[in-house]
C-alpha atoms as a PDB file:
ATOM      1  CA  MET A   1       0.065   0.026   0.254  1.00  0.00           C
ATOM      2  CA  LYS A   2       0.763   3.727  -0.592  1.00  0.00           C
ATOM      3  CA  LEU A   3       1.623   5.517   2.227  1.00  0.00           C
ATOM      4  CA  VAL A   4      -0.956   8.284   3.016  1.00  0.00           C
ATOM      5  CA  SER A   5       0.237  11.668   3.641  1.00  0.00           C
ATOM      6  CA  ARG A   6      -1.806  14.051   6.363  1.00  0.00           C
ATOM      7  CA  PHE A   7      -2.435  16.335   2.840  1.00  0.00           C
ATOM      8  CA  GLN A   8      -3.894  13.764   0.959  1.00  0.00           C
ATOM      9  CA  ALA A   9      -5.950  12.652   3.814  1.00  0.00           C
ATOM     10  CA  ALA A  10      -7.241  16.348   4.182  1.00  0.00           C
ATOM     11  CA  ALA A  11      -8.564  16.505   0.350  1.00  0.00           C
ATOM     12  CA  LEU A  12     -10.639  13.141   1.262  1.00  0.00           C
ATOM     13  CA  SER A  13     -14.235  12.949   2.153  1.00  0.00           C
ATOM     14  CA  THR A  14     -15.525  11.247   5.411  1.00  0.00           C
ATOM     15  CA  ALA A  15     -16.774   8.449   3.185  1.00  0.00           C
ATOM     16  CA  GLU A  16     -13.873   8.114   1.360  1.00  0.00           C
ATOM     17  CA  LEU A  17     -11.729   8.505   4.558  1.00  0.00           C
ATOM     18  CA  HIS A  18     -13.825   5.447   6.121  1.00  0.00           C
ATOM     19  CA  GLY A  19     -13.430   3.206   3.033  1.00  0.00           C
ATOM     20  CA  LEU A  20      -9.964   4.112   2.690  1.00  0.00           C
ATOM     21  CA  LEU A  21      -9.212   3.239   6.594  1.00  0.00           C
ATOM     22  CA  ARG A  22     -10.985  -0.037   5.840  1.00  0.00           C
ATOM     23  CA  LYS A  23      -8.921  -0.980   3.292  1.00  0.00           C
ATOM     24  CA  ALA A  24      -5.893  -0.147   5.146  1.00  0.00           C
ATOM     25  CA  PHE A  25      -6.808  -2.143   8.034  1.00  0.00           C
ATOM     26  CA  ASN A  26      -7.851  -5.231   6.308  1.00  0.00           C
ATOM     27  CA  LEU A  27      -4.369  -5.047   4.169  1.00  0.00           C
ATOM     28  CA  ALA A  28      -2.142  -4.695   7.465  1.00  0.00           C
ATOM     29  CA  ALA A  29      -3.956  -7.526   9.038  1.00  0.00           C
ATOM     30  CA  SER A  30      -3.447  -9.954   5.966  1.00  0.00           C
ATOM     31  CA  LEU A  31       0.348  -8.927   5.293  1.00  0.00           C
ATOM     32  CA  PRO A  32       3.526 -10.540   7.327  1.00  0.00           C
ATOM     33  CA  PRO A  33       4.391  -8.615  10.758  1.00  0.00           C
ATOM     34  CA  HIS A  34       7.694  -5.848   9.561  1.00  0.00           C
ATOM     35  CA  SER A  35       7.061  -5.725   6.094  1.00  0.00           C
ATOM     36  CA  ARG A  36       7.334  -2.363   4.338  1.00  0.00           C
ATOM     37  CA  GLU A  37       3.827  -2.992   3.260  1.00  0.00           C
ATOM     38  CA  ARG A  38       2.404  -3.439   6.352  1.00  0.00           C
ATOM     39  CA  ASP A  39       4.353  -0.677   8.074  1.00  0.00           C
ATOM     40  CA  ASN A  40       2.662   1.749   5.534  1.00  0.00           C
ATOM     41  CA  ALA A  41      -0.845   0.667   5.910  1.00  0.00           C
ATOM     42  CA  LEU A  42      -0.214   0.725   9.743  1.00  0.00           C
ATOM     43  CA  ALA A  43       1.047   4.206   9.175  1.00  0.00           C
ATOM     44  CA  SER A  44      -1.853   5.384   6.182  1.00  0.00           C
ATOM     45  CA  ILE A  45      -3.922   3.855   9.698  1.00  0.00           C
ATOM     46  CA  LYS A  46      -2.597   6.755  12.071  1.00  0.00           C
ATOM     47  CA  THR A  47      -2.819   9.131   9.411  1.00  0.00           C
ATOM     48  CA  ILE A  48      -5.996   8.665   8.775  1.00  0.00           C
ATOM     49  CA  HIS A  49      -7.295   8.256  11.860  1.00  0.00           C
ATOM     50  CA  ALA A  50      -5.400  12.269  13.109  1.00  0.00           C
ATOM     51  CA  GLU A  51      -7.616  13.471  10.176  1.00  0.00           C
ATOM     52  CA  LEU A  52     -10.804  12.077  10.789  1.00  0.00           C
ATOM     53  CA  SER A  53     -10.651  13.126  14.240  1.00  0.00           C
ATOM     54  CA  SER A  54      -9.677  16.557  13.433  1.00  0.00           C
ATOM     55  CA  ARG A  55     -13.368  16.629  11.310  1.00  0.00           C
ATOM     56  CA  SER A  56     -16.034  17.924  13.769  1.00  0.00           C
ATOM     57  CA  PRO A  57     -19.011  14.896  14.223  1.00  0.00           C
END
């Protein structure tokens, strides 16, 4: 998975972010520990979660 930056996350809608979060989570769960792709997915999850948290409900 390509790493999602904070700038990229900010440009997406809330619905798109939730879809991307689900995709990143499922990918991270299916990859071997300590692989580059899994690390990217986990970092993307953190970025997406931070962006979702910064938006008002």
